[in-house]
Amino acid sequence: MEFTPIKYWHPYISPFDPCPPMRVKCYSTPPHLYICYQPYGWPQFSPREALYAGTLWPALYDPYKGPCNQLGVRNNES
């Protein structure tokens, strides 16, 4: 099963809420949640790239870009 780093859910919308409802909410999960162990011989970043990425392994690199806005999900969509 392939993991999806962005999760979505539909929160409860109260009929008495004075603000416009957010019908879809989302959050990002880090890739290390889906890796059971570190395999031998994984590809690695160069030392310079690793300092910029914050990790030695490309499989664990996950820059935060704001999942809802990055994928074009709008909060008021039904």
PDB file of N, CA and C in Angstrom:
ATOM      1  N   MET A   1       0.844  -1.187   0.000  1.00  0.00           N
ATOM      2  CA  MET A   1       0.000   0.000   0.000  1.00  0.00           C
ATOM      3  C   MET A   1       0.886   1.246   0.000  1.00  0.00           C
ATOM      4  N   GLU A   2       0.619   2.157  -0.882  1.00  0.00           N
ATOM      5  CA  GLU A   2       1.397   3.378  -0.969  1.00  0.00           C
ATOM      6  C   GLU A   2       0.855   4.407   0.028  1.00  0.00           C
ATOM      7  N   PHE A   3       1.766   5.062   0.730  1.00  0.00           N
ATOM      8  CA  PHE A   3       1.326   6.041   1.709  1.00  0.00           C
ATOM      9  C   PHE A   3       0.965   7.356   1.032  1.00  0.00           C
ATOM     10  N   THR A   4       0.114   8.101   1.684  1.00  0.00           N
ATOM     11  CA  THR A   4      -0.226   9.447   1.228  1.00  0.00           C
ATOM     12  C   THR A   4       0.163  10.403   2.350  1.00  0.00           C
ATOM     13  N   PRO A   5       1.051  11.352   2.095  1.00  0.00           N
ATOM     14  CA  PRO A   5       1.512  12.228   3.158  1.00  0.00           C
ATOM     15  C   PRO A   5       0.498  13.291   3.570  1.00  0.00           C
ATOM     16  N   ILE A   6      -0.571  13.463   2.817  1.00  0.00           N
ATOM     17  CA  ILE A   6      -1.573  14.475   3.160  1.00  0.00           C
ATOM     18  C   ILE A   6      -2.890  13.779   3.470  1.00  0.00           C
ATOM     19  N   LYS A   7      -3.432  14.060   4.639  1.00  0.00           N
ATOM     20  CA  LYS A   7      -4.686  13.463   5.092  1.00  0.00           C
ATOM     21  C   LYS A   7      -5.779  14.526   5.105  1.00  0.00           C
ATOM     22  N   TYR A   8      -7.018  14.115   4.827  1.00  0.00           N
ATOM     23  CA  TYR A   8      -8.160  15.024   4.782  1.00  0.00           C
ATOM     24  C   TYR A   8      -9.254  14.513   5.701  1.00  0.00           C
ATOM     25  N   TRP A   9     -10.035  15.415   6.251  1.00  0.00           N
ATOM     26  CA  TRP A   9     -11.221  15.036   6.992  1.00  0.00           C
ATOM     27  C   TRP A   9     -12.266  16.138   6.880  1.00  0.00           C
ATOM     28  N   HIS A  10     -13.515  15.764   7.120  1.00  0.00           N
ATOM     29  CA  HIS A  10     -14.641  16.688   7.044  1.00  0.00           C
ATOM     30  C   HIS A  10     -15.135  16.926   8.471  1.00  0.00           C
ATOM     31  N   PRO A  11     -14.845  18.093   9.040  1.00  0.00           N
ATOM     32  CA  PRO A  11     -15.259  18.357  10.427  1.00  0.00           C
ATOM     33  C   PRO A  11     -16.762  18.587  10.537  1.00  0.00           C
ATOM     34  N   TYR A  12     -17.241  18.479  11.749  1.00  0.00           N
ATOM     35  CA  TYR A  12     -18.642  18.766  12.031  1.00  0.00           C
ATOM     36  C   TYR A  12     -18.891  20.251  11.795  1.00  0.00           C
ATOM     37  N   ILE A  13     -19.988  20.571  11.163  1.00  0.00           N
ATOM     38  CA  ILE A  13     -20.355  21.967  10.904  1.00  0.00           C
ATOM     39  C   ILE A  13     -21.640  22.262  11.683  1.00  0.00           C
ATOM     40  N   SER A  14     -21.527  23.143  12.635  1.00  0.00           N
ATOM     41  CA  SER A  14     -22.678  23.497  13.464  1.00  0.00           C
ATOM     42  C   SER A  14     -23.617  24.432  12.701  1.00  0.00           C
ATOM     43  N   PRO A  15     -24.911  24.251  12.837  1.00  0.00           N
ATOM     44  CA  PRO A  15     -25.842  25.174  12.185  1.00  0.00           C
ATOM     45  C   PRO A  15     -25.844  26.554  12.848  1.00  0.00           C
ATOM     46  N   PHE A  16     -25.234  26.652  14.033  1.00  0.00           N
ATOM     47  CA  PHE A  16     -25.223  27.919  14.773  1.00  0.00           C
ATOM     48  C   PHE A  16     -23.882  28.640  14.678  1.00  0.00           C
ATOM     49  N   ASP A  17     -22.973  28.146  13.872  1.00  0.00           N
ATOM     50  CA  ASP A  17     -21.664  28.768  13.732  1.00  0.00           C
ATOM     51  C   ASP A  17     -21.805  30.066  12.938  1.00  0.00           C
ATOM     52  N   PRO A  18     -21.381  31.205  13.484  1.00  0.00           N
ATOM     53  CA  PRO A  18     -21.549  32.472  12.766  1.00  0.00           C
ATOM     54  C   PRO A  18     -20.528  32.674  11.638  1.00  0.00           C
ATOM     55  N   CYS A  19     -19.459  31.897  11.638  1.00  0.00           N
ATOM     56  CA  CYS A  19     -18.417  32.049  10.619  1.00  0.00           C
ATOM     57  C   CYS A  19     -18.664  31.091   9.454  1.00  0.00           C
ATOM     58  N   PRO A  20     -18.145  31.398   8.265  1.00  0.00           N
ATOM     59  CA  PRO A  20     -18.248  30.458   7.152  1.00  0.00           C
ATOM     60  C   PRO A  20     -17.529  29.147   7.506  1.00  0.00           C
ATOM     61  N   PRO A  21     -18.125  28.010   7.255  1.00  0.00           N
ATOM     62  CA  PRO A  21     -17.519  26.740   7.664  1.00  0.00           C
ATOM     63  C   PRO A  21     -16.341  26.342   6.781  1.00  0.00           C
ATOM     64  N   MET A  22     -15.411  25.632   7.393  1.00  0.00           N
ATOM     65  CA  MET A  22     -14.322  24.996   6.654  1.00  0.00           C
ATOM     66  C   MET A  22     -14.775  23.556   6.430  1.00  0.00           C
ATOM     67  N   ARG A  23     -15.209  23.235   5.230  1.00  0.00           N
ATOM     68  CA  ARG A  23     -15.799  21.926   4.956  1.00  0.00           C
ATOM     69  C   ARG A  23     -14.769  20.813   4.864  1.00  0.00           C
ATOM     70  N   VAL A  24     -13.573  21.131   4.421  1.00  0.00           N
ATOM     71  CA  VAL A  24     -12.507  20.137   4.318  1.00  0.00           C
ATOM     72  C   VAL A  24     -11.277  20.690   5.019  1.00  0.00           C
ATOM     73  N   LYS A  25     -10.709  19.896   5.918  1.00  0.00           N
ATOM     74  CA  LYS A  25      -9.460  20.271   6.578  1.00  0.00           C
ATOM     75  C   LYS A  25      -8.417  19.226   6.235  1.00  0.00           C
ATOM     76  N   CYS A  26      -7.160  19.616   6.266  1.00  0.00           N
ATOM     77  CA  CYS A  26      -6.111  18.665   5.931  1.00  0.00           C
ATOM     78  C   CYS A  26      -4.867  18.929   6.763  1.00  0.00           C
ATOM     79  N   TYR A  27      -4.007  17.916   6.823  1.00  0.00           N
ATOM     80  CA  TYR A  27      -2.740  18.022   7.523  1.00  0.00           C
ATOM     81  C   TYR A  27      -1.724  17.118   6.837  1.00  0.00           C
ATOM     82  N   SER A  28      -0.465  17.398   7.079  1.00  0.00           N
ATOM     83  CA  SER A  28       0.622  16.648   6.465  1.00  0.00           C
ATOM     84  C   SER A  28       1.243  15.707   7.489  1.00  0.00           C
ATOM     85  N   THR A  29       1.548  14.489   7.075  1.00  0.00           N
ATOM     86  CA  THR A  29       2.226  13.533   7.950  1.00  0.00           C
ATOM     87  C   THR A  29       3.654  13.323   7.448  1.00  0.00           C
ATOM     88  N   PRO A  30       4.615  13.175   8.356  1.00  0.00           N
ATOM     89  CA  PRO A  30       6.009  12.995   7.940  1.00  0.00           C
ATOM     90  C   PRO A  30       6.248  11.597   7.369  1.00  0.00           C
ATOM     91  N   PRO A  31       7.195  11.464   6.425  1.00  0.00           N
ATOM     92  CA  PRO A  31       7.425  10.168   5.781  1.00  0.00           C
ATOM     93  C   PRO A  31       7.973   9.096   6.717  1.00  0.00           C
ATOM     94  N   HIS A  32       8.631   9.468   7.814  1.00  0.00           N
ATOM     95  CA  HIS A  32       9.196   8.435   8.688  1.00  0.00           C
ATOM     96  C   HIS A  32       8.121   7.592   9.376  1.00  0.00           C
ATOM     97  N   LEU A  33       6.871   8.033   9.363  1.00  0.00           N
ATOM     98  CA  LEU A  33       5.791   7.227   9.938  1.00  0.00           C
ATOM     99  C   LEU A  33       5.523   5.963   9.134  1.00  0.00           C
ATOM    100  N   TYR A  34       5.918   5.958   7.873  1.00  0.00           N
ATOM    101  CA  TYR A  34       5.604   4.848   6.980  1.00  0.00           C
ATOM    102  C   TYR A  34       6.805   3.958   6.689  1.00  0.00           C
ATOM    103  N   ILE A  35       7.936   4.218   7.324  1.00  0.00           N
ATOM    104  CA  ILE A  35       9.146   3.423   7.113  1.00  0.00           C
ATOM    105  C   ILE A  35       9.405   2.628   8.378  1.00  0.00           C
ATOM    106  N   CYS A  36       9.322   1.304   8.296  1.00  0.00           N
ATOM    107  CA  CYS A  36       9.467   0.457   9.481  1.00  0.00           C
ATOM    108  C   CYS A  36      10.912   0.409   9.972  1.00  0.00           C
ATOM    109  N   TYR A  37      11.850   0.333   9.084  1.00  0.00           N
ATOM    110  CA  TYR A  37      13.259   0.279   9.442  1.00  0.00           C
ATOM    111  C   TYR A  37      14.064   0.916   8.318  1.00  0.00           C
ATOM    112  N   GLN A  38      15.301   1.250   8.624  1.00  0.00           N
ATOM    113  CA  GLN A  38      16.161   1.872   7.621  1.00  0.00           C
ATOM    114  C   GLN A  38      16.869   0.774   6.832  1.00  0.00           C
ATOM    115  N   PRO A  39      16.543   0.597   5.563  1.00  0.00           N
ATOM    116  CA  PRO A  39      17.177  -0.447   4.767  1.00  0.00           C
ATOM    117  C   PRO A  39      18.665  -0.164   4.536  1.00  0.00           C
ATOM    118  N   TYR A  40      19.416  -1.219   4.384  1.00  0.00           N
ATOM    119  CA  TYR A  40      20.839  -1.102   4.103  1.00  0.00           C
ATOM    120  C   TYR A  40      21.027  -0.583   2.675  1.00  0.00           C
ATOM    121  N   GLY A  41      21.965   0.341   2.491  1.00  0.00           N
ATOM    122  CA  GLY A  41      22.303   0.819   1.164  1.00  0.00           C
ATOM    123  C   GLY A  41      21.361   1.857   0.588  1.00  0.00           C
ATOM    124  N   TRP A  42      20.632   2.558   1.438  1.00  0.00           N
ATOM    125  CA  TRP A  42      19.753   3.615   0.963  1.00  0.00           C
ATOM    126  C   TRP A  42      20.551   4.697   0.269  1.00  0.00           C
ATOM    127  N   PRO A  43      20.011   5.325  -0.780  1.00  0.00           N
ATOM    128  CA  PRO A  43      20.708   6.461  -1.392  1.00  0.00           C
ATOM    129  C   PRO A  43      20.794   7.611  -0.393  1.00  0.00           C
ATOM    130  N   GLN A  44      21.882   8.371  -0.493  1.00  0.00           N
ATOM    131  CA  GLN A  44      22.108   9.474   0.436  1.00  0.00           C
ATOM    132  C   GLN A  44      22.360  10.770  -0.321  1.00  0.00           C
ATOM    133  N   PHE A  45      21.994  11.873   0.325  1.00  0.00           N
ATOM    134  CA  PHE A  45      22.358  13.186  -0.187  1.00  0.00           C
ATOM    135  C   PHE A  45      23.855  13.382  -0.022  1.00  0.00           C
ATOM    136  N   SER A  46      24.420  14.282  -0.797  1.00  0.00           N
ATOM    137  CA  SER A  46      25.794  14.703  -0.542  1.00  0.00           C
ATOM    138  C   SER A  46      25.779  15.475   0.781  1.00  0.00           C
ATOM    139  N   PRO A  47      26.935  15.618   1.443  1.00  0.00           N
ATOM    140  CA  PRO A  47      26.934  16.349   2.722  1.00  0.00           C
ATOM    141  C   PRO A  47      26.339  17.752   2.617  1.00  0.00           C
ATOM    142  N   ARG A  48      26.633  18.452   1.545  1.00  0.00           N
ATOM    143  CA  ARG A  48      26.094  19.810   1.378  1.00  0.00           C
ATOM    144  C   ARG A  48      24.571  19.781   1.223  1.00  0.00           C
ATOM    145  N   GLU A  49      24.061  18.868   0.388  1.00  0.00           N
ATOM    146  CA  GLU A  49      22.613  18.759   0.196  1.00  0.00           C
ATOM    147  C   GLU A  49      21.922  18.333   1.491  1.00  0.00           C
ATOM    148  N   ALA A  50      22.573  17.451   2.242  1.00  0.00           N
ATOM    149  CA  ALA A  50      21.991  16.970   3.497  1.00  0.00           C
ATOM    150  C   ALA A  50      21.838  18.105   4.509  1.00  0.00           C
ATOM    151  N   LEU A  51      22.785  19.024   4.541  1.00  0.00           N
ATOM    152  CA  LEU A  51      22.667  20.164   5.446  1.00  0.00           C
ATOM    153  C   LEU A  51      21.482  21.045   5.074  1.00  0.00           C
ATOM    154  N   TYR A  52      21.240  21.229   3.795  1.00  0.00           N
ATOM    155  CA  TYR A  52      20.109  22.044   3.356  1.00  0.00           C
ATOM    156  C   TYR A  52      18.779  21.315   3.560  1.00  0.00           C
ATOM    157  N   ALA A  53      18.772  19.999   3.344  1.00  0.00           N
ATOM    158  CA  ALA A  53      17.535  19.221   3.460  1.00  0.00           C
ATOM    159  C   ALA A  53      17.192  18.889   4.905  1.00  0.00           C
ATOM    160  N   GLY A  54      18.196  18.836   5.779  1.00  0.00           N
ATOM    161  CA  GLY A  54      17.948  18.489   7.170  1.00  0.00           C
ATOM    162  C   GLY A  54      17.928  16.995   7.417  1.00  0.00           C
ATOM    163  N   THR A  55      18.261  16.202   6.417  1.00  0.00           N
ATOM    164  CA  THR A  55      18.332  14.750   6.557  1.00  0.00           C
ATOM    165  C   THR A  55      19.332  14.207   5.556  1.00  0.00           C
ATOM    166  N   LEU A  56      19.887  13.059   5.866  1.00  0.00           N
ATOM    167  CA  LEU A  56      20.868  12.446   4.978  1.00  0.00           C
ATOM    168  C   LEU A  56      20.202  11.645   3.859  1.00  0.00           C
ATOM    169  N   TRP A  57      18.978  11.186   4.095  1.00  0.00           N
ATOM    170  CA  TRP A  57      18.311  10.298   3.147  1.00  0.00           C
ATOM    171  C   TRP A  57      17.184  11.009   2.403  1.00  0.00           C
ATOM    172  N   PRO A  58      17.186  10.963   1.078  1.00  0.00           N
ATOM    173  CA  PRO A  58      16.122  11.612   0.299  1.00  0.00           C
ATOM    174  C   PRO A  58      14.722  11.076   0.610  1.00  0.00           C
ATOM    175  N   ALA A  59      14.608   9.815   1.005  1.00  0.00           N
ATOM    176  CA  ALA A  59      13.287   9.246   1.306  1.00  0.00           C
ATOM    177  C   ALA A  59      12.657   9.907   2.530  1.00  0.00           C
ATOM    178  N   LEU A  60      13.476  10.497   3.403  1.00  0.00           N
ATOM    179  CA  LEU A  60      12.956  11.149   4.600  1.00  0.00           C
ATOM    180  C   LEU A  60      12.807  12.659   4.441  1.00  0.00           C
ATOM    181  N   TYR A  61      13.147  13.175   3.285  1.00  0.00           N
ATOM    182  CA  TYR A  61      13.045  14.613   3.049  1.00  0.00           C
ATOM    183  C   TYR A  61      11.608  14.976   2.721  1.00  0.00           C
ATOM    184  N   ASP A  62      11.047  15.900   3.477  1.00  0.00           N
ATOM    185  CA  ASP A  62       9.669  16.319   3.271  1.00  0.00           C
ATOM    186  C   ASP A  62       9.524  17.784   3.668  1.00  0.00           C
ATOM    187  N   PRO A  63       9.724  18.703   2.724  1.00  0.00           N
ATOM    188  CA  PRO A  63       9.560  20.114   3.069  1.00  0.00           C
ATOM    189  C   PRO A  63       8.093  20.450   3.286  1.00  0.00           C
ATOM    190  N   TYR A  64       7.814  21.275   4.270  1.00  0.00           N
ATOM    191  CA  TYR A  64       6.435  21.672   4.548  1.00  0.00           C
ATOM    192  C   TYR A  64       6.056  22.827   3.640  1.00  0.00           C
ATOM    193  N   LYS A  65       5.014  22.655   2.852  1.00  0.00           N
ATOM    194  CA  LYS A  65       4.589  23.684   1.909  1.00  0.00           C
ATOM    195  C   LYS A  65       3.156  24.122   2.138  1.00  0.00           C
ATOM    196  N   GLY A  66       2.536  23.688   3.199  1.00  0.00           N
ATOM    197  CA  GLY A  66       1.135  24.013   3.425  1.00  0.00           C
ATOM    198  C   GLY A  66       0.263  23.114   2.579  1.00  0.00           C
ATOM    199  N   PRO A  67      -0.142  21.954   3.070  1.00  0.00           N
ATOM    200  CA  PRO A  67      -0.785  20.942   2.238  1.00  0.00           C
ATOM    201  C   PRO A  67      -2.077  21.387   1.568  1.00  0.00           C
ATOM    202  N   CYS A  68      -2.906  22.134   2.236  1.00  0.00           N
ATOM    203  CA  CYS A  68      -4.196  22.514   1.626  1.00  0.00           C
ATOM    204  C   CYS A  68      -3.994  23.493   0.484  1.00  0.00           C
ATOM    205  N   ASN A  69      -3.187  24.487   0.689  1.00  0.00           N
ATOM    206  CA  ASN A  69      -2.983  25.490  -0.353  1.00  0.00           C
ATOM    207  C   ASN A  69      -2.147  24.950  -1.497  1.00  0.00           C
ATOM    208  N   GLN A  70      -1.220  24.056  -1.224  1.00  0.00           N
ATOM    209  CA  GLN A  70      -0.354  23.503  -2.244  1.00  0.00           C
ATOM    210  C   GLN A  70      -1.134  22.669  -3.260  1.00  0.00           C
ATOM    211  N   LEU A  71      -2.150  21.947  -2.798  1.00  0.00           N
ATOM    212  CA  LEU A  71      -2.913  21.080  -3.691  1.00  0.00           C
ATOM    213  C   LEU A  71      -4.156  21.759  -4.259  1.00  0.00           C
ATOM    214  N   GLY A  72      -4.386  23.004  -3.906  1.00  0.00           N
ATOM    215  CA  GLY A  72      -5.524  23.722  -4.459  1.00  0.00           C
ATOM    216  C   GLY A  72      -6.843  23.431  -3.763  1.00  0.00           C
ATOM    217  N   VAL A  73      -6.810  22.869  -2.563  1.00  0.00           N
ATOM    218  CA  VAL A  73      -8.035  22.614  -1.824  1.00  0.00           C
ATOM    219  C   VAL A  73      -8.439  23.913  -1.146  1.00  0.00           C
ATOM    220  N   ARG A  74      -9.665  24.331  -1.368  1.00  0.00           N
ATOM    221  CA  ARG A  74     -10.157  25.550  -0.730  1.00  0.00           C
ATOM    222  C   ARG A  74     -11.030  25.163   0.455  1.00  0.00           C
ATOM    223  N   ASN A  75     -10.986  25.970   1.469  1.00  0.00           N
ATOM    224  CA  ASN A  75     -11.696  25.646   2.694  1.00  0.00           C
ATOM    225  C   ASN A  75     -13.217  25.681   2.549  1.00  0.00           C
ATOM    226  N   ASN A  76     -13.757  26.409   1.606  1.00  0.00           N
ATOM    227  CA  ASN A  76     -15.212  26.528   1.477  1.00  0.00           C
ATOM    228  C   ASN A  76     -15.797  25.619   0.418  1.00  0.00           C
ATOM    229  N   GLU A  77     -15.009  24.707  -0.131  1.00  0.00           N
ATOM    230  CA  GLU A  77     -15.549  23.777  -1.126  1.00  0.00           C
ATOM    231  C   GLU A  77     -16.437  22.754  -0.431  1.00  0.00           C
ATOM    232  N   SER A  78     -17.477  22.306  -1.089  1.00  0.00           N
ATOM    233  CA  SER A  78     -18.340  21.302  -0.476  1.00  0.00           C
ATOM    234  C   SER A  78     -18.002  19.915  -0.931  1.00  0.00           C
TER     235      SER A  78
END
